[in-house]
Amino acid sequence: MTEPRVSALIPVHDGEEHLDQAIESALAQTHPPMEVIVVANDCSDRSAEIAESFGGIVRVVSEPRRGITFARNTALAAAQGDYLAFLDHDDLWEPAKTENQLAAFDADPGLALVLGLALQFADEDLDPAVAARITVPNHPQPGMLIGAVLAPRSTFEKVGDWQGANEVADGLVWFIRARELGLRERMLDEVVVRRRIHGGNQSFHNHDQRSEWLQALKGSLDAKRAGVRPETGDDRSGV
């Protein structure tokens, strides 16, 4: 039986400080990926150079249009695996993430996506001023973030491309669209991703864009009432 081929997809914009650790965590999987695609998204630092230094199955793709949604779509277009998994450049996968999630698909082939728990941790270089105003949970939480997902290519094709307007709520929009389609999911009891808190996280610097979260939720509710798939305008009424 042929082993499932997994593509690890890492978008990065000026993330030279943590990128090498993210790549290493992808390469250290007990079920190794067939490829690690790093999308250098309008980078002005050494991110692309760092990724290229790994060689082997690590491949760098350039995306000149700045924005996480452009980077994710570029990664999807470049991926060749049967299963796809995103990892933010500043986060880390647990070594058995892919292996445990693939086992869940083997046990229940009807699943469309498998998630797992997420554990947040403070970066050792976290600014004390930032550390003083945040609380980092010390226990695992349900990983409702893209970095906790493994899904077959067909799931991403069904959910569709990321929408360029959603920079902060891109993960939320993706989950909403998946659930609007009735795709089956499972949450594992194991930690699959560790989310680094370092003060440079997007959520710290995009308070003026938080309305995207509310707009995404409102769009989902409006779509349910109108029988239209959110973000795409696809008619789901069957007419």
C-alpha atoms as a PDB file:
ATOM      1  CA  MET A   1       0.000   0.000   0.000  1.00  0.00           C
ATOM      2  CA  THR A   2       1.319   3.413  -0.987  1.00  0.00           C
ATOM      3  CA  GLU A   3       2.056   5.750   1.917  1.00  0.00           C
ATOM      4  CA  PRO A   4       0.002   8.984   1.882  1.00  0.00           C
ATOM      5  CA  ARG A   5       2.028  11.899   0.544  1.00  0.00           C
ATOM      6  CA  VAL A   6       1.888  15.004   2.728  1.00  0.00           C
ATOM      7  CA  SER A   7       2.766  18.560   1.718  1.00  0.00           C
ATOM      8  CA  ALA A   8       3.821  20.911   4.523  1.00  0.00           C
ATOM      9  CA  LEU A   9       3.029  24.514   3.555  1.00  0.00           C
ATOM     10  CA  ILE A  10       4.715  27.425   5.360  1.00  0.00           C
ATOM     11  CA  PRO A  11       3.852  30.997   4.332  1.00  0.00           C
ATOM     12  CA  VAL A  12       6.307  33.600   5.637  1.00  0.00           C
ATOM     13  CA  HIS A  13       6.623  37.370   5.510  1.00  0.00           C
ATOM     14  CA  ASP A  14       9.877  38.644   7.039  1.00  0.00           C
ATOM     15  CA  GLY A  15      10.043  35.801   9.546  1.00  0.00           C
ATOM     16  CA  GLU A  16      13.752  35.053   9.611  1.00  0.00           C
ATOM     17  CA  GLU A  17      13.869  34.875  13.417  1.00  0.00           C
ATOM     18  CA  HIS A  18      11.713  31.760  13.778  1.00  0.00           C
ATOM     19  CA  LEU A  19      11.411  30.225  10.312  1.00  0.00           C
ATOM     20  CA  ASP A  20      14.208  27.687  10.705  1.00  0.00           C
ATOM     21  CA  GLN A  21      12.520  26.171  13.763  1.00  0.00           C
ATOM     22  CA  ALA A  22       9.201  25.858  11.930  1.00  0.00           C
ATOM     23  CA  ILE A  23      10.865  24.087   9.002  1.00  0.00           C
ATOM     24  CA  GLU A  24      12.752  21.772  11.351  1.00  0.00           C
ATOM     25  CA  SER A  25       9.509  20.803  13.083  1.00  0.00           C
ATOM     26  CA  ALA A  26       7.991  19.898   9.702  1.00  0.00           C
ATOM     27  CA  LEU A  27      11.025  17.838   8.717  1.00  0.00           C
ATOM     28  CA  ALA A  28      11.011  16.054  12.097  1.00  0.00           C
ATOM     29  CA  GLN A  29       7.574  14.497  11.582  1.00  0.00           C
ATOM     30  CA  THR A  30       7.393  10.776  12.350  1.00  0.00           C
ATOM     31  CA  HIS A  31       5.481  10.523   9.059  1.00  0.00           C
ATOM     32  CA  PRO A  32       7.792  12.748   6.999  1.00  0.00           C
ATOM     33  CA  PRO A  33       6.319  15.108   4.406  1.00  0.00           C
ATOM     34  CA  MET A  34       7.089  14.526   0.743  1.00  0.00           C
ATOM     35  CA  GLU A  35       7.807  18.245   0.452  1.00  0.00           C
ATOM     36  CA  VAL A  36       8.009  21.390   2.525  1.00  0.00           C
ATOM     37  CA  ILE A  37       6.935  24.428   0.525  1.00  0.00           C
ATOM     38  CA  VAL A  38       7.947  27.786   1.963  1.00  0.00           C
ATOM     39  CA  VAL A  39       6.126  30.694   0.342  1.00  0.00           C
ATOM     40  CA  ALA A  40       8.257  33.829   0.643  1.00  0.00           C
ATOM     41  CA  ASN A  41       5.564  36.484   0.748  1.00  0.00           C
ATOM     42  CA  ASP A  42       7.055  39.866  -0.243  1.00  0.00           C
ATOM     43  CA  CYS A  43      10.035  39.226   2.037  1.00  0.00           C
ATOM     44  CA  SER A  44      12.699  41.870   2.578  1.00  0.00           C
ATOM     45  CA  ASP A  45      14.746  39.850   5.091  1.00  0.00           C
ATOM     46  CA  ARG A  46      16.639  36.522   4.911  1.00  0.00           C
ATOM     47  CA  SER A  47      13.568  34.285   5.076  1.00  0.00           C
ATOM     48  CA  ALA A  48      13.947  32.909   1.545  1.00  0.00           C
ATOM     49  CA  GLU A  49      17.693  32.393   2.017  1.00  0.00           C
ATOM     50  CA  ILE A  50      17.137  30.515   5.275  1.00  0.00           C
ATOM     51  CA  ALA A  51      14.572  28.214   3.674  1.00  0.00           C
ATOM     52  CA  GLU A  52      16.776  27.575   0.643  1.00  0.00           C
ATOM     53  CA  SER A  53      19.671  26.593   2.926  1.00  0.00           C
ATOM     54  CA  PHE A  54      17.782  23.440   3.973  1.00  0.00           C
ATOM     55  CA  GLY A  55      17.805  22.015   0.450  1.00  0.00           C
ATOM     56  CA  GLY A  56      16.402  18.518  -0.043  1.00  0.00           C
ATOM     57  CA  ILE A  57      12.622  18.433   0.036  1.00  0.00           C
ATOM     58  CA  VAL A  58      12.367  22.088   1.128  1.00  0.00           C
ATOM     59  CA  ARG A  59      11.289  24.244  -1.794  1.00  0.00           C
ATOM     60  CA  VAL A  60      10.905  28.028  -1.846  1.00  0.00           C
ATOM     61  CA  VAL A  61       8.201  29.730  -3.902  1.00  0.00           C
ATOM     62  CA  SER A  62       8.015  33.518  -4.248  1.00  0.00           C
ATOM     63  CA  GLU A  63       4.743  35.432  -3.909  1.00  0.00           C
ATOM     64  CA  PRO A  64       5.293  39.166  -4.539  1.00  0.00           C
ATOM     65  CA  ARG A  65       1.790  40.248  -3.532  1.00  0.00           C
ATOM     66  CA  ARG A  66       1.920  40.894   0.187  1.00  0.00           C
ATOM     67  CA  GLY A  67      -0.776  39.177   2.242  1.00  0.00           C
ATOM     68  CA  ILE A  68      -1.350  35.854   3.967  1.00  0.00           C
ATOM     69  CA  THR A  69      -4.264  34.945   1.703  1.00  0.00           C
ATOM     70  CA  PHE A  70      -2.144  35.349  -1.435  1.00  0.00           C
ATOM     71  CA  ALA A  71       0.598  33.259   0.200  1.00  0.00           C
ATOM     72  CA  ARG A  72      -1.799  30.461   1.141  1.00  0.00           C
ATOM     73  CA  ASN A  73      -3.260  30.286  -2.365  1.00  0.00           C
ATOM     74  CA  THR A  74       0.245  30.184  -3.865  1.00  0.00           C
ATOM     75  CA  ALA A  75       1.136  27.321  -1.511  1.00  0.00           C
ATOM     76  CA  LEU A  76      -1.965  25.362  -2.507  1.00  0.00           C
ATOM     77  CA  ALA A  77      -1.188  25.813  -6.202  1.00  0.00           C
ATOM     78  CA  ALA A  78       2.373  24.546  -5.703  1.00  0.00           C
ATOM     79  CA  ALA A  79       1.559  21.567  -3.465  1.00  0.00           C
ATOM     80  CA  GLN A  80       1.751  18.062  -4.914  1.00  0.00           C
ATOM     81  CA  GLY A  81       0.779  15.959  -1.896  1.00  0.00           C
ATOM     82  CA  ASP A  82      -2.349  13.906  -1.288  1.00  0.00           C
ATOM     83  CA  TYR A  83      -2.774  15.610   2.107  1.00  0.00           C
ATOM     84  CA  LEU A  84      -1.990  19.251   2.831  1.00  0.00           C
ATOM     85  CA  ALA A  85      -1.105  20.988   6.072  1.00  0.00           C
ATOM     86  CA  PHE A  86      -0.292  24.638   6.790  1.00  0.00           C
ATOM     87  CA  LEU A  87       2.172  25.804   9.421  1.00  0.00           C
ATOM     88  CA  ASP A  88       2.726  29.441  10.376  1.00  0.00           C
ATOM     89  CA  HIS A  89       6.397  30.382  10.204  1.00  0.00           C
ATOM     90  CA  ASP A  90       6.556  31.173  13.937  1.00  0.00           C
ATOM     91  CA  ASP A  91       4.775  28.041  15.200  1.00  0.00           C
ATOM     92  CA  LEU A  92       5.916  24.448  15.712  1.00  0.00           C
ATOM     93  CA  TRP A  93       4.386  21.084  14.937  1.00  0.00           C
ATOM     94  CA  GLU A  94       4.591  18.251  17.426  1.00  0.00           C
ATOM     95  CA  PRO A  95       6.577  15.341  15.916  1.00  0.00           C
ATOM     96  CA  ALA A  96       3.631  12.914  15.662  1.00  0.00           C
ATOM     97  CA  LYS A  97       1.115  15.444  14.276  1.00  0.00           C
ATOM     98  CA  THR A  98       0.924  14.058  10.773  1.00  0.00           C
ATOM     99  CA  GLU A  99       1.143  10.414  11.848  1.00  0.00           C
ATOM    100  CA  ASN A 100      -1.709  10.738  14.358  1.00  0.00           C
ATOM    101  CA  GLN A 101      -3.918  12.660  11.966  1.00  0.00           C
ATOM    102  CA  LEU A 102      -3.378  10.199   9.137  1.00  0.00           C
ATOM    103  CA  ALA A 103      -4.322   7.404  11.546  1.00  0.00           C
ATOM    104  CA  ALA A 104      -7.611   9.204  12.177  1.00  0.00           C
ATOM    105  CA  PHE A 105      -8.319   9.276   8.442  1.00  0.00           C
ATOM    106  CA  ASP A 106      -7.517   5.560   8.211  1.00  0.00           C
ATOM    107  CA  ALA A 107      -9.979   4.847  11.022  1.00  0.00           C
ATOM    108  CA  ASP A 108     -12.715   6.992   9.476  1.00  0.00           C
ATOM    109  CA  PRO A 109     -12.294   7.576   5.721  1.00  0.00           C
ATOM    110  CA  GLY A 110     -15.369   9.823   5.696  1.00  0.00           C
ATOM    111  CA  LEU A 111     -13.539  12.610   7.515  1.00  0.00           C
ATOM    112  CA  ALA A 112     -12.742  15.747   5.544  1.00  0.00           C
ATOM    113  CA  LEU A 113     -10.335  17.320   8.038  1.00  0.00           C
ATOM    114  CA  VAL A 114      -8.600  16.323  11.247  1.00  0.00           C
ATOM    115  CA  LEU A 115      -7.477  18.796  13.892  1.00  0.00           C
ATOM    116  CA  GLY A 116      -5.799  18.489  17.268  1.00  0.00           C
ATOM    117  CA  LEU A 117      -5.036  20.455  20.395  1.00  0.00           C
ATOM    118  CA  ALA A 118      -2.866  23.571  20.423  1.00  0.00           C
ATOM    119  CA  LEU A 119      -0.528  24.659  23.185  1.00  0.00           C
ATOM    120  CA  GLN A 120       0.578  28.266  23.394  1.00  0.00           C
ATOM    121  CA  PHE A 121       3.985  29.235  24.711  1.00  0.00           C
ATOM    122  CA  ALA A 122       5.805  32.509  25.309  1.00  0.00           C
ATOM    123  CA  ASP A 123       8.903  33.071  23.249  1.00  0.00           C
ATOM    124  CA  GLU A 124      12.083  33.307  25.324  1.00  0.00           C
ATOM    125  CA  ASP A 125      12.754  36.742  23.835  1.00  0.00           C
ATOM    126  CA  LEU A 126       9.254  38.086  24.491  1.00  0.00           C
ATOM    127  CA  ASP A 127       9.363  41.778  25.406  1.00  0.00           C
ATOM    128  CA  PRO A 128       8.650  42.119  29.169  1.00  0.00           C
ATOM    129  CA  ALA A 129       6.216  44.951  28.417  1.00  0.00           C
ATOM    130  CA  VAL A 130       4.228  42.647  26.158  1.00  0.00           C
ATOM    131  CA  ALA A 131       4.484  39.742  28.601  1.00  0.00           C
ATOM    132  CA  ALA A 132       3.029  41.934  31.359  1.00  0.00           C
ATOM    133  CA  ARG A 133      -0.200  42.535  29.473  1.00  0.00           C
ATOM    134  CA  ILE A 134      -0.977  39.049  28.206  1.00  0.00           C
ATOM    135  CA  THR A 135      -1.836  35.715  29.752  1.00  0.00           C
ATOM    136  CA  VAL A 136      -0.516  32.625  28.017  1.00  0.00           C
ATOM    137  CA  PRO A 137      -2.666  29.571  28.841  1.00  0.00           C
ATOM    138  CA  ASN A 138      -0.550  26.736  30.231  1.00  0.00           C
ATOM    139  CA  HIS A 139      -2.908  23.975  29.136  1.00  0.00           C
ATOM    140  CA  PRO A 140      -3.815  22.645  25.671  1.00  0.00           C
ATOM    141  CA  GLN A 141      -6.863  24.066  23.924  1.00  0.00           C
ATOM    142  CA  PRO A 142      -8.879  22.895  20.899  1.00  0.00           C
ATOM    143  CA  GLY A 143      -6.766  23.876  17.913  1.00  0.00           C
ATOM    144  CA  MET A 144      -9.177  25.914  15.834  1.00  0.00           C
ATOM    145  CA  LEU A 145      -6.375  27.318  13.721  1.00  0.00           C
ATOM    146  CA  ILE A 146      -5.065  26.395  10.305  1.00  0.00           C
ATOM    147  CA  GLY A 147      -1.783  25.108  11.712  1.00  0.00           C
ATOM    148  CA  ALA A 148      -3.649  22.344  13.547  1.00  0.00           C
ATOM    149  CA  VAL A 149      -5.327  20.963  10.409  1.00  0.00           C
ATOM    150  CA  LEU A 150      -4.505  18.076   8.116  1.00  0.00           C
ATOM    151  CA  ALA A 151      -6.853  17.560   5.190  1.00  0.00           C
ATOM    152  CA  PRO A 152      -6.843  15.808   1.827  1.00  0.00           C
ATOM    153  CA  ARG A 153      -6.426  17.962  -1.248  1.00  0.00           C
ATOM    154  CA  SER A 154     -10.112  17.429  -2.095  1.00  0.00           C
ATOM    155  CA  THR A 155     -11.149  19.273   1.083  1.00  0.00           C
ATOM    156  CA  PHE A 156      -9.193  22.376   0.136  1.00  0.00           C
ATOM    157  CA  GLU A 157     -10.642  22.192  -3.363  1.00  0.00           C
ATOM    158  CA  LYS A 158     -14.173  22.064  -1.960  1.00  0.00           C
ATOM    159  CA  VAL A 159     -13.635  24.948   0.461  1.00  0.00           C
ATOM    160  CA  GLY A 160     -11.992  27.041  -2.266  1.00  0.00           C
ATOM    161  CA  ASP A 161      -9.311  29.695  -2.396  1.00  0.00           C
ATOM    162  CA  TRP A 162      -8.601  32.093   0.430  1.00  0.00           C
ATOM    163  CA  GLN A 163     -10.270  35.444  -0.068  1.00  0.00           C
ATOM    164  CA  GLY A 164      -7.869  38.378  -0.440  1.00  0.00           C
ATOM    165  CA  ALA A 165      -9.862  40.705   1.795  1.00  0.00           C
ATOM    166  CA  ASN A 166      -9.462  38.614   4.949  1.00  0.00           C
ATOM    167  CA  GLU A 167      -6.034  39.174   6.470  1.00  0.00           C
ATOM    168  CA  VAL A 168      -6.831  38.650  10.152  1.00  0.00           C
ATOM    169  CA  ALA A 169      -9.830  36.324   9.929  1.00  0.00           C
ATOM    170  CA  ASP A 170      -8.565  34.092   7.126  1.00  0.00           C
ATOM    171  CA  GLY A 171      -8.530  31.012   9.333  1.00  0.00           C
ATOM    172  CA  LEU A 172     -11.977  31.714  10.731  1.00  0.00           C
ATOM    173  CA  VAL A 173     -13.403  32.220   7.243  1.00  0.00           C
ATOM    174  CA  TRP A 174     -11.898  28.915   6.103  1.00  0.00           C
ATOM    175  CA  PHE A 175     -13.480  27.006   9.004  1.00  0.00           C
ATOM    176  CA  ILE A 176     -16.838  28.713   8.441  1.00  0.00           C
ATOM    177  CA  ARG A 177     -16.823  27.757   4.784  1.00  0.00           C
ATOM    178  CA  ALA A 178     -15.870  24.158   5.592  1.00  0.00           C
ATOM    179  CA  ARG A 179     -18.719  23.859   8.080  1.00  0.00           C
ATOM    180  CA  GLU A 180     -21.175  25.539   5.729  1.00  0.00           C
ATOM    181  CA  LEU A 181     -20.387  22.712   3.316  1.00  0.00           C
ATOM    182  CA  GLY A 182     -21.118  20.145   6.022  1.00  0.00           C
ATOM    183  CA  LEU A 183     -17.609  18.702   5.887  1.00  0.00           C
ATOM    184  CA  ARG A 184     -16.927  16.208   8.660  1.00  0.00           C
ATOM    185  CA  GLU A 185     -14.121  16.943  11.081  1.00  0.00           C
ATOM    186  CA  ARG A 186     -12.488  15.340  14.102  1.00  0.00           C
ATOM    187  CA  MET A 187     -10.572  16.928  16.955  1.00  0.00           C
ATOM    188  CA  LEU A 188      -7.813  14.713  18.343  1.00  0.00           C
ATOM    189  CA  ASP A 189      -6.998  14.633  22.046  1.00  0.00           C
ATOM    190  CA  GLU A 190      -3.276  15.093  21.368  1.00  0.00           C
ATOM    191  CA  VAL A 191      -1.385  18.372  21.022  1.00  0.00           C
ATOM    192  CA  VAL A 192      -0.436  18.773  17.359  1.00  0.00           C
ATOM    193  CA  VAL A 193       0.844  22.363  17.231  1.00  0.00           C
ATOM    194  CA  ARG A 194       2.563  24.793  19.565  1.00  0.00           C
ATOM    195  CA  ARG A 195       1.691  28.429  18.962  1.00  0.00           C
ATOM    196  CA  ARG A 196       4.451  30.874  19.768  1.00  0.00           C
ATOM    197  CA  ILE A 197       3.532  34.149  21.471  1.00  0.00           C
ATOM    198  CA  HIS A 198       6.228  36.693  20.712  1.00  0.00           C
ATOM    199  CA  GLY A 199       4.625  40.112  20.434  1.00  0.00           C
ATOM    200  CA  GLY A 200       5.007  40.141  16.684  1.00  0.00           C
ATOM    201  CA  ASN A 201       1.963  37.939  16.171  1.00  0.00           C
ATOM    202  CA  GLN A 202      -0.484  39.359  13.710  1.00  0.00           C
ATOM    203  CA  SER A 203      -3.159  39.692  16.397  1.00  0.00           C
ATOM    204  CA  PHE A 204      -0.985  42.154  18.328  1.00  0.00           C
ATOM    205  CA  HIS A 205      -0.720  44.579  15.421  1.00  0.00           C
ATOM    206  CA  ASN A 206      -4.096  44.432  13.676  1.00  0.00           C
ATOM    207  CA  HIS A 207      -6.558  45.683  16.259  1.00  0.00           C
ATOM    208  CA  ASP A 208      -8.077  48.005  13.658  1.00  0.00           C
ATOM    209  CA  GLN A 209      -8.846  44.952  11.489  1.00  0.00           C
ATOM    210  CA  ARG A 210     -10.626  42.928  14.178  1.00  0.00           C
ATOM    211  CA  SER A 211     -13.896  43.876  12.494  1.00  0.00           C
ATOM    212  CA  GLU A 212     -13.018  41.167   9.945  1.00  0.00           C
ATOM    213  CA  TRP A 213     -13.942  38.563  12.570  1.00  0.00           C
ATOM    214  CA  LEU A 214     -17.363  40.099  13.067  1.00  0.00           C
ATOM    215  CA  GLN A 215     -17.863  40.521   9.326  1.00  0.00           C
ATOM    216  CA  ALA A 216     -16.977  36.877   8.720  1.00  0.00           C
ATOM    217  CA  LEU A 217     -19.450  35.678  11.338  1.00  0.00           C
ATOM    218  CA  LYS A 218     -22.146  38.025  10.052  1.00  0.00           C
ATOM    219  CA  GLY A 219     -21.505  36.814   6.504  1.00  0.00           C
ATOM    220  CA  SER A 220     -22.015  33.236   7.613  1.00  0.00           C
ATOM    221  CA  LEU A 221     -25.312  34.017   9.312  1.00  0.00           C
ATOM    222  CA  ASP A 222     -26.533  36.056   6.329  1.00  0.00           C
ATOM    223  CA  ALA A 223     -25.543  33.257   3.956  1.00  0.00           C
ATOM    224  CA  LYS A 224     -27.476  30.690   5.982  1.00  0.00           C
ATOM    225  CA  ARG A 225     -30.583  32.840   5.775  1.00  0.00           C
ATOM    226  CA  ALA A 226     -30.168  33.423   2.036  1.00  0.00           C
ATOM    227  CA  GLY A 227     -29.004  29.919   1.141  1.00  0.00           C
ATOM    228  CA  VAL A 228     -25.716  31.250  -0.259  1.00  0.00           C
ATOM    229  CA  ARG A 229     -22.216  30.010   0.513  1.00  0.00           C
ATOM    230  CA  PRO A 230     -20.269  32.758   2.305  1.00  0.00           C
ATOM    231  CA  GLU A 231     -17.402  34.593   0.593  1.00  0.00           C
ATOM    232  CA  THR A 232     -17.984  32.991  -2.796  1.00  0.00           C
ATOM    233  CA  GLY A 233     -21.598  33.834  -3.515  1.00  0.00           C
ATOM    234  CA  ASP A 234     -22.225  30.264  -4.706  1.00  0.00           C
ATOM    235  CA  ASP A 235     -25.909  29.457  -4.617  1.00  0.00           C
ATOM    236  CA  ARG A 236     -26.578  26.444  -2.405  1.00  0.00           C
ATOM    237  CA  SER A 237     -30.346  26.505  -2.666  1.00  0.00           C
ATOM    238  CA  GLY A 238     -30.380  23.775  -5.323  1.00  0.00           C
ATOM    239  CA  VAL A 239     -32.221  25.994  -7.805  1.00  0.00           C
END
